[in-house]
Protein backbone atom coordinates (compact mmCIF):
# COMPACT_ATOMS: atom_id res chain seq x y z
CA MET A 1 11.60 -31.06 9.43
CA ASP A 2 14.21 -28.39 10.12
CA THR A 3 13.58 -25.00 8.56
CA LYS A 4 15.19 -24.79 5.15
CA TYR A 5 16.93 -21.65 3.85
CA ILE A 6 17.16 -20.44 0.26
CA PHE A 7 19.40 -17.52 -0.69
CA VAL A 8 18.98 -15.68 -3.99
CA THR A 9 21.89 -13.58 -5.27
CA GLY A 10 22.23 -11.60 -8.48
CA GLY A 11 25.04 -11.14 -10.97
CA VAL A 12 26.08 -9.28 -14.13
CA SER A 13 23.41 -6.57 -13.89
CA SER A 14 20.91 -5.03 -11.52
CA SER A 15 17.15 -5.07 -12.22
CA LEU A 16 17.17 -8.70 -13.41
CA GLY A 17 14.16 -9.51 -11.24
CA LYS A 18 15.54 -11.26 -8.15
CA GLY A 19 12.39 -10.26 -6.27
CA ILE A 20 10.08 -11.76 -8.90
CA LEU A 21 12.18 -14.94 -9.12
CA THR A 22 12.21 -15.31 -5.33
CA ALA A 23 8.45 -14.67 -5.09
CA SER A 24 7.78 -17.14 -7.93
CA LEU A 25 9.75 -19.93 -6.28
CA ALA A 26 8.04 -19.18 -2.97
CA LYS A 27 4.67 -19.38 -4.73
CA LEU A 28 5.50 -22.84 -6.11
CA LEU A 29 6.63 -24.11 -2.70
CA GLN A 30 3.54 -22.62 -1.05
CA ALA A 31 1.39 -24.34 -3.68
CA ARG A 32 3.05 -27.59 -2.57
CA LYS A 33 1.53 -27.00 0.90
CA MET A 34 4.74 -25.69 2.45
CA ARG A 35 4.82 -22.76 4.88
CA VAL A 36 7.05 -20.12 3.34
CA THR A 37 8.15 -16.54 3.88
CA ILE A 38 10.56 -14.21 2.08
CA GLN A 39 12.94 -11.61 3.43
CA LYS A 40 15.00 -8.93 1.67
CA PHE A 41 18.49 -7.81 2.73
CA ASP A 42 19.32 -4.42 1.24
CA PRO A 43 22.90 -3.10 1.22
CA TYR A 44 22.16 0.63 1.62
CA ILE A 45 22.95 2.41 4.89
CA ASN A 46 19.52 4.04 5.24
CA ILE A 47 17.61 2.43 8.10
CA ASP A 48 14.69 1.92 5.70
CA PRO A 49 13.43 3.41 2.42
CA GLY A 50 11.06 5.76 4.27
CA THR A 51 13.26 8.83 3.75
CA LEU A 52 14.30 7.92 0.18
CA ASN A 53 12.97 9.85 -2.80
CA PRO A 54 10.89 7.52 -5.03
CA TYR A 55 13.20 8.43 -7.92
CA GLU A 56 16.02 6.85 -5.90
CA HIS A 57 14.40 3.57 -4.91
CA GLY A 58 10.88 3.30 -6.28
CA GLU A 59 7.87 3.19 -3.98
CA CYS A 60 8.16 2.66 -0.25
CA TYR A 61 6.06 -0.39 0.61
CA VAL A 62 4.35 -0.40 4.03
CA THR A 63 3.57 -3.61 5.94
CA GLU A 64 0.66 -4.31 8.30
CA ASP A 65 2.86 -3.63 11.34
CA GLY A 66 4.01 -0.27 10.00
CA ALA A 67 7.42 -1.06 8.54
CA GLU A 68 8.59 1.09 5.63
CA THR A 69 10.23 -1.42 3.34
CA ASP A 70 11.60 -2.19 -0.11
CA LEU A 71 9.08 -2.49 -2.95
CA ASP A 72 10.04 -6.17 -3.43
CA LEU A 73 8.06 -6.95 -0.27
CA GLY A 74 5.02 -5.89 -2.27
CA HIS A 75 5.83 -8.61 -4.80
CA TYR A 76 6.24 -11.12 -1.96
CA GLU A 77 2.81 -10.32 -0.54
CA ARG A 78 1.08 -10.18 -3.92
CA PHE A 79 2.44 -13.58 -4.96
CA LEU A 80 1.94 -15.36 -1.63
CA GLY A 81 -1.11 -13.58 -0.22
CA VAL A 82 0.71 -13.62 3.15
CA TYR A 83 1.63 -10.51 5.14
CA THR A 84 5.26 -9.59 5.73
CA SER A 85 6.55 -7.62 8.71
CA LYS A 86 9.41 -5.50 10.03
CA ALA A 87 11.53 -8.64 10.26
CA ASN A 88 11.24 -9.27 6.51
CA ASN A 89 13.32 -6.29 5.41
CA VAL A 90 16.85 -5.72 6.73
CA THR A 91 19.25 -2.99 5.64
CA THR A 92 22.93 -2.38 6.29
CA GLY A 93 21.80 0.64 8.28
CA LYS A 94 19.67 -1.50 10.62
CA VAL A 95 22.53 -3.95 11.14
CA TYR A 96 25.14 -1.30 11.90
CA LYS A 97 22.72 0.62 14.16
CA THR A 98 22.16 -2.52 16.24
CA VAL A 99 25.87 -3.32 16.49
CA ILE A 100 26.83 0.26 17.38
CA GLU A 101 24.13 0.44 20.07
CA LYS A 102 25.42 -2.83 21.56
CA GLU A 103 28.97 -1.43 21.53
CA ARG A 104 27.80 1.69 23.35
CA GLU A 105 26.09 -0.51 25.95
CA GLY A 106 29.33 -2.42 26.53
CA ALA A 107 27.85 -5.69 25.25
CA TYR A 108 31.09 -6.67 23.53
CA LEU A 109 33.10 -6.47 26.78
CA GLY A 110 35.76 -4.17 25.43
CA LYS A 111 36.57 -6.15 22.30
CA THR A 112 37.43 -4.42 19.04
CA VAL A 113 34.18 -4.36 17.05
CA GLN A 114 34.77 -5.48 13.47
CA VAL A 115 32.89 -6.40 10.32
CA VAL A 116 33.88 -10.02 10.98
CA PRO A 117 32.62 -11.36 13.30
CA HIS A 118 30.34 -8.70 14.81
CA ILE A 119 28.57 -7.32 11.72
CA THR A 120 28.34 -10.73 10.07
CA ASP A 121 27.06 -12.30 13.29
CA GLU A 122 24.25 -9.74 13.43
CA ILE A 123 23.42 -10.39 9.78
CA LYS A 124 23.31 -14.16 10.40
CA ARG A 125 21.10 -13.65 13.44
CA ARG A 126 18.61 -11.76 11.31
CA MET A 127 18.88 -14.25 8.43
CA LEU A 128 17.85 -17.08 10.76
CA LEU A 129 15.36 -15.11 12.87
CA LEU A 130 12.18 -15.96 10.98
CA GLY A 131 13.19 -19.61 10.66
CA LYS A 132 13.56 -19.93 14.43
CA THR A 133 9.95 -18.90 15.04
CA GLY A 134 8.77 -22.37 14.00
CA LYS A 135 6.17 -20.83 11.67
CA TYR A 136 7.90 -21.66 8.39
CA ASP A 137 9.21 -24.68 6.54
CA VAL A 138 11.23 -22.56 4.12
CA VAL A 139 12.67 -19.06 4.47
CA LEU A 140 13.77 -17.41 1.22
CA THR A 141 16.28 -14.56 1.44
CA GLU A 142 16.91 -12.15 -1.40
CA ILE A 143 20.30 -10.43 -1.21
CA GLY A 144 20.01 -6.96 -2.72
CA GLY A 145 22.50 -5.56 -5.19
CA THR A 146 24.83 -7.40 -7.54
CA VAL A 147 27.67 -9.78 -6.63
CA GLY A 148 30.84 -7.71 -6.65
CA ASP A 149 29.26 -4.62 -5.08
CA ILE A 150 31.28 -3.44 -2.10
CA GLU A 151 28.10 -2.70 -0.17
CA SER A 152 26.76 -6.26 -0.21
CA LEU A 153 30.02 -8.05 0.73
CA PRO A 154 29.09 -8.47 4.44
CA PHE A 155 25.82 -10.16 3.41
CA ILE A 156 27.67 -12.53 1.07
CA GLU A 157 30.21 -13.32 3.80
CA ALA A 158 27.40 -14.02 6.28
CA GLU A 159 25.77 -16.35 3.77
CA ARG A 160 29.12 -18.13 3.25
CA GLN A 161 29.42 -18.71 6.98
CA LEU A 162 25.89 -20.14 7.11
CA HIS A 163 26.85 -22.66 4.40
CA TRP A 164 29.58 -23.78 6.81
CA GLU A 165 27.37 -23.77 9.92
CA LEU A 166 24.12 -25.33 8.63
CA PRO A 167 23.67 -28.92 7.38
CA ASP A 168 24.16 -29.25 3.63
CA ASP A 169 20.54 -30.19 3.04
CA ASP A 170 19.22 -27.14 4.95
CA ILE A 171 20.64 -24.40 2.70
CA VAL A 172 20.52 -23.69 -1.03
CA THR A 173 21.97 -20.77 -3.00
CA ILE A 174 20.39 -19.68 -6.28
CA HIS A 175 22.31 -17.24 -8.47
CA LEU A 176 20.28 -15.17 -10.95
CA THR A 177 22.37 -13.96 -13.84
CA LEU A 178 22.09 -12.59 -17.36
CA ILE A 179 22.78 -14.28 -20.68
CA PRO A 180 22.93 -11.26 -23.02
CA TYR A 181 21.94 -11.51 -26.67
CA LEU A 182 24.20 -9.61 -29.08
CA ARG A 183 21.91 -8.69 -31.94
CA ALA A 184 24.70 -7.71 -34.33
CA ALA A 185 26.33 -11.14 -33.92
CA LYS A 186 23.00 -12.95 -33.37
CA GLU A 187 24.55 -14.78 -30.43
CA LEU A 188 23.83 -15.43 -26.77
CA LYS A 189 26.92 -15.02 -24.59
CA THR A 190 27.62 -17.00 -21.42
CA LYS A 191 30.89 -15.28 -20.49
CA PRO A 192 29.31 -12.65 -18.19
CA THR A 193 27.59 -15.47 -16.28
CA GLN A 194 30.85 -17.40 -15.98
CA HIS A 195 32.61 -14.35 -14.56
CA SER A 196 29.77 -13.59 -12.16
CA VAL A 197 29.78 -17.14 -10.76
CA LYS A 198 33.58 -17.08 -10.57
CA GLN A 199 33.37 -13.94 -8.47
CA LEU A 200 30.81 -15.56 -6.17
CA GLN A 201 33.11 -18.58 -5.85
CA GLU A 202 35.99 -16.25 -4.92
CA TYR A 203 33.87 -15.10 -1.99
CA GLY A 204 33.53 -18.74 -0.90
CA ILE A 205 30.03 -19.56 -2.22
CA GLN A 206 29.31 -22.21 -4.82
CA PRO A 207 25.78 -21.69 -6.19
CA ASP A 208 23.60 -24.80 -6.25
CA ILE A 209 21.34 -23.49 -9.02
CA ILE A 210 21.94 -20.89 -11.73
CA VAL A 211 18.91 -19.12 -13.20
CA CYS A 212 19.69 -17.45 -16.51
CA ARG A 213 17.63 -14.42 -17.45
CA THR A 214 17.48 -14.23 -21.23
CA GLU A 215 15.42 -12.73 -24.03
CA MET A 216 16.13 -15.70 -26.34
CA PRO A 217 15.75 -19.45 -25.60
CA LEU A 218 18.90 -21.24 -24.45
CA PHE A 219 20.19 -24.20 -26.43
CA GLU A 220 20.89 -27.38 -24.45
CA SER A 221 24.53 -27.06 -25.46
CA MET A 222 24.61 -23.62 -23.87
CA LYS A 223 23.14 -24.97 -20.64
CA ARG A 224 25.82 -27.67 -20.62
CA LYS A 225 28.48 -25.00 -21.12
CA VAL A 226 27.20 -22.94 -18.18
CA ALA A 227 27.00 -26.08 -16.03
CA LEU A 228 30.54 -27.16 -16.96
CA PHE A 229 32.25 -23.83 -16.35
CA CYS A 230 30.18 -22.86 -13.33
CA ASN A 231 30.46 -26.23 -11.58
CA VAL A 232 26.77 -27.13 -11.30
CA LYS A 233 24.70 -30.03 -12.61
CA GLU A 234 23.15 -29.49 -16.02
CA ASN A 235 19.60 -29.75 -14.67
CA ALA A 236 20.49 -26.95 -12.23
CA VAL A 237 20.86 -24.44 -15.06
CA ILE A 238 17.42 -22.82 -15.40
CA GLU A 239 16.22 -20.76 -18.33
CA CYS A 240 14.23 -17.66 -17.38
CA LEU A 241 12.85 -16.14 -20.55
CA ASP A 242 11.38 -12.64 -20.56
CA SER A 243 7.64 -12.94 -19.84
CA PRO A 244 4.76 -10.71 -20.95
CA SER A 245 3.67 -10.54 -17.30
CA ILE A 246 5.48 -11.06 -14.01
CA TYR A 247 2.61 -13.35 -13.01
CA GLU A 248 3.65 -15.84 -15.72
CA VAL A 249 7.03 -16.43 -14.06
CA PRO A 250 5.86 -19.05 -11.49
CA LEU A 251 4.49 -21.19 -14.33
CA SER A 252 7.65 -20.86 -16.42
CA MET A 253 9.79 -21.73 -13.38
CA TYR A 254 7.58 -24.76 -12.73
CA LYS A 255 8.02 -25.82 -16.34
CA GLU A 256 11.79 -25.52 -15.90
CA GLY A 257 11.61 -27.60 -12.72
CA LEU A 258 13.09 -25.02 -10.33
CA ASP A 259 10.96 -26.08 -7.36
CA ARG A 260 11.68 -29.78 -7.98
CA ILE A 261 15.44 -29.17 -8.02
CA VAL A 262 15.21 -27.20 -4.77
CA LEU A 263 13.30 -30.02 -3.09
CA GLU A 264 15.93 -32.51 -4.29
CA LYS A 265 18.70 -30.34 -2.82
CA PHE A 266 16.81 -30.30 0.49
CA GLY A 267 16.24 -34.06 0.37
CA ILE A 268 12.46 -33.56 0.58
CA LYS A 269 10.47 -36.38 -0.98
CA GLY A 270 6.75 -36.89 -1.48
CA ALA A 271 5.75 -33.22 -1.63
CA PRO A 272 2.44 -32.82 -3.51
CA GLU A 273 2.43 -31.24 -6.94
CA PRO A 274 1.69 -27.50 -6.74
CA ASP A 275 -1.97 -26.52 -6.89
CA LEU A 276 -2.05 -23.41 -9.09
CA THR A 277 -5.73 -23.56 -10.09
CA ASN A 278 -6.64 -20.07 -8.85
CA TRP A 279 -3.42 -18.58 -10.20
CA LYS A 280 -4.06 -20.02 -13.67
CA ALA A 281 -7.65 -18.76 -13.56
CA PHE A 282 -6.35 -15.25 -12.84
CA LEU A 283 -3.88 -15.51 -15.74
CA ASP A 284 -6.63 -16.69 -18.05
CA ARG A 285 -8.69 -13.59 -17.23
CA LEU A 286 -5.60 -11.39 -17.52
CA ASN A 287 -4.56 -12.76 -20.90
CA HIS A 288 -8.03 -12.84 -22.47
CA PRO A 289 -9.74 -9.53 -21.67
CA LYS A 290 -13.10 -8.72 -23.26
CA TYR A 291 -12.87 -4.97 -22.73
CA SER A 292 -10.30 -2.20 -22.37
CA VAL A 293 -10.26 1.02 -20.40
CA ASP A 294 -7.90 4.00 -20.21
CA ILE A 295 -6.99 5.41 -16.79
CA ALA A 296 -4.96 8.56 -16.09
CA VAL A 297 -2.66 8.37 -13.06
CA VAL A 298 -1.85 11.96 -12.12
CA GLY A 299 1.37 12.23 -10.14
CA LYS A 300 4.76 13.86 -9.97
CA TYR A 301 7.00 10.76 -10.07
CA VAL A 302 5.57 9.52 -13.36
CA GLU A 303 8.95 9.19 -15.09
CA LEU A 304 9.70 6.11 -12.93
CA GLN A 305 6.91 3.53 -12.96
CA ASP A 306 8.33 1.79 -9.86
CA ALA A 307 7.34 4.91 -7.89
CA TYR A 308 3.71 3.74 -8.23
CA LYS A 309 4.38 0.01 -8.48
CA SER A 310 1.58 -1.18 -6.17
CA ILE A 311 -0.96 1.07 -7.89
CA LEU A 312 0.06 -0.31 -11.28
CA GLU A 313 -0.23 -3.92 -10.06
CA SER A 314 -3.59 -3.20 -8.41
CA PHE A 315 -4.91 -2.12 -11.80
CA VAL A 316 -3.67 -5.41 -13.26
CA HIS A 317 -5.61 -7.33 -10.60
CA ALA A 318 -8.74 -5.17 -10.89
CA GLY A 319 -8.62 -5.31 -14.67
CA ALA A 320 -8.58 -9.11 -14.65
CA ALA A 321 -11.50 -9.11 -12.19
CA ASN A 322 -13.45 -6.93 -14.66
CA LEU A 323 -12.32 -8.96 -17.69
CA SER A 324 -10.70 -5.75 -18.90
CA LYS A 325 -7.28 -4.59 -19.97
CA VAL A 326 -6.45 -1.45 -18.02
CA ASN A 327 -4.23 0.92 -19.97
CA VAL A 328 -2.53 3.14 -17.40
CA HIS A 329 -1.38 6.53 -18.68
CA TYR A 330 0.90 8.58 -16.45
CA VAL A 331 0.17 12.32 -16.42
CA GLN A 332 2.77 14.69 -14.94
CA SER A 333 0.83 16.90 -12.52
CA GLU A 334 3.21 19.82 -13.05
CA GLU A 335 2.09 20.00 -16.69
CA LEU A 336 -1.62 20.44 -15.87
CA LYS A 337 -2.71 24.04 -16.40
CA ASP A 338 -6.14 25.68 -16.52
CA GLY A 339 -5.99 25.91 -20.29
CA ASN A 340 -4.93 22.36 -21.19
CA LEU A 341 -7.06 20.06 -19.02
CA ASP A 342 -9.26 18.83 -21.88
CA GLU A 343 -6.15 18.11 -23.93
CA LYS A 344 -4.35 16.31 -21.09
CA LEU A 345 -7.28 14.51 -19.41
CA GLY A 346 -10.21 14.52 -21.80
CA CYS A 347 -9.45 11.17 -23.44
CA TYR A 348 -9.44 9.08 -20.25
CA ASP A 349 -12.19 6.95 -18.72
CA GLY A 350 -11.07 7.51 -15.14
CA ILE A 351 -8.67 9.73 -13.19
CA LEU A 352 -6.60 8.59 -10.21
CA VAL A 353 -4.69 11.25 -8.28
CA ALA A 354 -1.67 9.53 -6.77
CA PRO A 355 -0.05 9.88 -3.35
CA GLY A 356 3.14 11.81 -2.73
CA PHE A 357 4.89 14.36 -0.55
CA GLY A 358 5.96 17.97 -0.94
CA GLU A 359 4.64 21.06 -2.72
CA ARG A 360 5.79 20.31 -6.28
CA GLY A 361 2.94 19.53 -8.66
CA LEU A 362 0.14 19.92 -6.12
CA GLU A 363 -1.79 22.65 -7.96
CA GLY A 364 -1.87 20.34 -10.99
CA LYS A 365 -3.36 17.59 -8.85
CA ILE A 366 -5.98 20.03 -7.58
CA ARG A 367 -6.87 20.90 -11.19
CA ALA A 368 -7.23 17.17 -11.99
CA CYS A 369 -9.66 16.78 -9.06
CA LYS A 370 -11.72 19.72 -10.30
CA TYR A 371 -11.79 18.37 -13.85
CA ALA A 372 -13.03 14.95 -12.71
CA ARG A 373 -15.65 16.52 -10.42
CA GLU A 374 -17.04 18.93 -13.00
CA LYS A 375 -16.93 16.55 -15.98
CA GLY A 376 -18.40 13.56 -14.14
CA VAL A 377 -15.31 11.42 -14.80
CA PRO A 378 -14.81 8.55 -12.31
CA PHE A 379 -12.31 9.78 -9.71
CA PHE A 380 -10.13 7.99 -7.18
CA GLY A 381 -7.78 9.89 -4.84
CA ILE A 382 -5.23 8.10 -2.66
CA CYS A 383 -3.75 9.76 0.45
CA LEU A 384 -2.52 13.09 -0.95
CA GLY A 385 -5.14 12.56 -3.67
CA LEU A 386 -7.90 12.74 -1.03
CA GLN A 387 -6.32 15.87 0.45
CA MET A 388 -6.16 17.64 -2.92
CA ALA A 389 -9.80 16.71 -3.63
CA VAL A 390 -10.83 18.24 -0.29
CA ILE A 391 -8.88 21.45 -0.99
CA GLU A 392 -10.41 21.79 -4.46
CA PHE A 393 -13.94 21.20 -3.14
CA ALA A 394 -13.44 23.68 -0.29
CA ARG A 395 -12.21 26.37 -2.67
CA ASP A 396 -14.49 25.90 -5.65
CA VAL A 397 -17.73 24.61 -4.10
CA CYS A 398 -17.70 25.84 -0.51
CA GLY A 399 -16.18 29.23 -1.35
CA ILE A 400 -13.29 28.88 1.12
CA LEU A 401 -10.89 30.62 -1.26
CA ASP A 402 -7.84 30.33 1.01
CA ALA A 403 -8.33 26.60 1.66
CA ASN A 404 -4.99 24.83 1.65
CA SER A 405 -2.80 22.26 3.34
CA THR A 406 -0.19 23.29 5.87
CA GLU A 407 2.17 21.00 3.96
CA ILE A 408 1.99 23.57 1.14
CA ASP A 409 1.52 26.69 3.26
CA PRO A 410 2.36 26.34 6.99
CA GLY A 411 0.57 29.64 7.64
CA ALA A 412 -2.57 28.84 5.66
CA ALA A 413 -5.57 30.96 6.68
CA ASP A 414 -7.91 27.99 6.15
CA PRO A 415 -5.98 24.75 6.73
CA VAL A 416 -8.59 22.23 5.60
CA ILE A 417 -5.69 19.75 5.60
CA ASP A 418 -3.44 20.05 8.63
CA LEU A 419 -0.53 18.29 10.28
CA MET A 420 -1.67 15.58 12.67
CA GLU A 421 -1.40 16.76 16.28
CA ASP A 422 1.10 14.06 17.30
CA GLN A 423 3.35 15.04 14.36
CA LYS A 424 3.80 18.71 15.23
CA SER A 425 6.62 18.26 17.75
CA LEU A 426 8.60 15.71 15.74
CA THR A 427 12.01 16.54 14.30
CA ILE A 428 13.03 13.00 13.25
CA LYS A 429 11.29 12.12 9.98
CA GLY A 430 12.17 8.45 9.46
CA GLY A 431 9.57 5.96 10.69
CA THR A 432 7.47 8.57 12.49
CA MET A 433 4.43 8.94 10.22
CA ARG A 434 1.09 7.24 10.78
CA LEU A 435 2.19 3.86 9.50
CA GLY A 436 0.63 0.43 9.08
CA ALA A 437 -2.89 -0.97 9.41
CA TYR A 438 -5.65 1.04 11.07
CA LYS A 439 -9.38 0.38 11.36
CA CYS A 440 -12.01 2.31 9.45
CA HIS A 441 -15.76 2.36 10.12
CA ILE A 442 -17.89 2.96 7.02
CA GLU A 443 -21.37 4.49 7.10
CA ASN A 444 -24.29 2.62 5.57
CA ASP A 445 -25.84 3.75 2.31
CA THR A 446 -22.58 5.20 0.92
CA LEU A 447 -20.43 4.45 -2.10
CA ALA A 448 -17.73 3.13 0.23
CA TYR A 449 -20.18 0.69 1.82
CA ARG A 450 -21.35 -0.53 -1.58
CA ILE A 451 -17.74 -1.10 -2.57
CA TYR A 452 -16.65 -3.01 0.53
CA GLY A 453 -19.98 -4.59 1.41
CA LYS A 454 -19.30 -4.15 5.13
CA GLN A 455 -18.90 -1.42 7.71
CA ASP A 456 -15.62 -2.33 9.39
CA ILE A 457 -12.41 -2.59 7.37
CA SER A 458 -8.67 -2.26 7.94
CA GLU A 459 -6.24 -0.57 5.55
CA ARG A 460 -2.63 0.60 5.64
CA HIS A 461 -1.49 4.18 6.09
CA ARG A 462 1.55 6.37 5.44
CA HIS A 463 0.91 10.06 6.08
CA ARG A 464 1.45 13.04 8.37
CA TYR A 465 -1.41 15.31 7.35
CA GLU A 466 -5.16 14.81 7.74
CA PHE A 467 -8.59 16.23 7.03
CA ASN A 468 -9.18 19.09 9.49
CA ASP A 469 -12.42 18.31 11.35
CA LYS A 470 -13.06 22.04 11.91
CA TYR A 471 -14.17 22.25 8.27
CA LEU A 472 -16.15 19.01 8.15
CA LYS A 473 -19.63 20.51 8.63
CA VAL A 474 -19.36 23.16 5.94
CA ILE A 475 -17.85 20.69 3.47
CA GLU A 476 -20.55 18.07 4.18
CA ASP A 477 -23.26 20.73 3.90
CA HIS A 478 -22.07 21.35 0.34
CA GLY A 479 -22.17 17.69 -0.71
CA MET A 480 -18.83 16.04 0.09
CA LYS A 481 -19.42 13.33 2.69
CA ALA A 482 -16.98 11.79 5.15
CA SER A 483 -18.17 8.21 4.67
CA GLY A 484 -15.41 6.44 6.59
CA ARG A 485 -13.69 7.33 9.88
CA ASN A 486 -11.26 5.76 12.28
CA PRO A 487 -13.41 4.43 15.18
CA ASP A 488 -10.79 5.30 17.80
CA THR A 489 -9.56 8.74 16.74
CA GLY A 490 -12.36 10.01 14.51
CA LEU A 491 -9.82 10.66 11.74
CA VAL A 492 -11.54 11.01 8.36
CA GLU A 493 -10.49 8.06 6.21
CA ILE A 494 -12.84 8.25 3.21
CA VAL A 495 -14.62 11.11 1.45
CA GLU A 496 -17.03 10.94 -1.48
CA ILE A 497 -19.30 13.25 -3.46
CA THR A 498 -22.79 11.78 -3.33
CA SER A 499 -24.05 13.58 -6.45
CA HIS A 500 -21.16 12.33 -8.61
CA PRO A 501 -21.30 9.02 -10.55
CA PHE A 502 -18.07 7.84 -8.86
CA PHE A 503 -15.92 10.17 -6.76
CA ILE A 504 -14.00 8.74 -3.81
CA GLY A 505 -10.87 9.68 -1.92
CA VAL A 506 -9.15 7.62 0.76
CA GLN A 507 -6.52 8.65 3.29
CA PHE A 508 -5.08 5.13 3.35
CA HIS A 509 -3.19 3.17 0.68
CA PRO A 510 -5.53 0.41 -0.57
CA GLU A 511 -3.03 -0.57 -3.28
CA LEU A 512 -0.83 -2.17 -0.61
CA LYS A 513 -3.27 -5.04 0.02
CA SER A 514 -4.28 -6.00 -3.51
CA THR A 515 -3.31 -9.46 -4.82
CA PRO A 516 -4.10 -11.36 -8.04
CA GLU A 517 -6.39 -13.76 -6.20
CA HIS A 518 -7.96 -11.06 -3.97
CA PRO A 519 -8.06 -7.77 -5.91
CA GLN A 520 -8.63 -4.60 -3.88
CA PRO A 521 -12.36 -3.64 -3.83
CA ILE A 522 -11.95 0.08 -4.56
CA PHE A 523 -9.75 -0.57 -7.57
CA CYS A 524 -12.28 -3.11 -8.86
CA ALA A 525 -15.15 -0.65 -8.42
CA PHE A 526 -13.13 2.19 -9.98
CA VAL A 527 -12.33 0.13 -13.09
CA ALA A 528 -16.00 -0.92 -13.35
CA ALA A 529 -17.06 2.73 -13.11
CA ALA A 530 -14.51 3.70 -15.78
CA LEU A 531 -15.89 0.99 -18.08
CA LYS A 532 -19.40 2.32 -17.53
CA HIS A 533 -18.24 5.88 -18.22
CA LYS A 534 -16.51 4.72 -21.40
CA GLY A 535 -19.70 2.97 -22.52
CA LYS A 536 -21.70 6.18 -22.11
CA ARG A 537 -19.11 8.19 -24.02
CA ASP A 538 -18.97 5.65 -26.85
CA ALA A 539 -22.78 5.66 -27.08
CA LYS A 540 -22.89 9.40 -27.78
């Protein structure tokens, strides 16, 4: 069978959930024993999201091979349980950089380099790249932005050309749109969808399937109206009702028959029904918790939940594994002062200090680490969270009063956290951190070993600064242990306080590898510890 290609575009409004829809369809096809992968084409000119502020674009998701990518790739991996790579996220910046470099090399033999055909040819090459590896039966491509945006026009034009170049039964376009509900009139309106599809048709693309995001059920007459005016079959108009959880969407899309319609368009017959046994078991645990627990996530990007998207989803997975609803409460680190810690943190069963960059809010994170350490509250620090825990311990337990990170103070007298040696001469920031999967060797008889149940693990990284080994002996002598280290470089990967009920910090980002069917071990252990802590508090 030739590789099949599915393109997902969006209309009317941004943030409709193209990534979730694409991941849900991919999940259904995967459950039908098909080999699938998903790629995202983003219209911004940045090479990748690595230099973008989280307020601009949400979290930067990091793949196994070290690509800094769009957060939708996190959804792809969580739904499919399959790793993505550098090839799965393409930006306008990457495309133009490649074309300009070819022009400088003389590859175009003196021709005038234009958007059509040179930019669109490069986009098409990348759209087909994964399919040509022979590893996949279906490649799904999410086109970022909204139809009508100037930025995404070259992607739409490239897709139009592929409709002309590929056999009809090898390519399908799905258009996700919005059917708004006007509460004052108590009516659903299809006109925005009609205009969105009309605009897509003006660009030369006729969608095969229209998925209608809506907060109210669609009448059959309304589906017929959309089908009639948008030139699709009635069964190709799919209702996508708002769901209580993103993980319900594959089941609702299966109920609507989205995967069956796609297979019909491809001319594929005899595919087995999707096996969603494990997925349904996860949803059953998620929807019927026996317990609840309250976790504080201390960070400085708390106003935008997408800034910590993978952490939030990891708590969903770990909560289900513990038959518990995890109530995540964001705490702005800048608001934490010495006099208000009980007020701000005293009601929580666990404290997670989140990753981040820059000086803003760091003293508040240090105070949160101290509070968790002194009060015996379960603590989990990720990346910068580990670094702040080390600084706090060095200052308040070891007596190294000037302990600091050179990220905060480049001239720190006691840089217990310092810039990695290979980072000191760098001037280009994008794509130059310690990125991707690295090994970690865990010592026996430690909290980390009890969590993972093995000595050798691999986790993903995104950082420039590290634990300064010059201070390791004095810190370990006072009770903070380096329980995990990189076997090749000796870099400290995990620290823990042995006398504390649950206190662990990791230099890596464990949230990037958590999935509903395989929740991340540290998150599971942290939630379990928070439940235990809550039980002790309630018993008093």
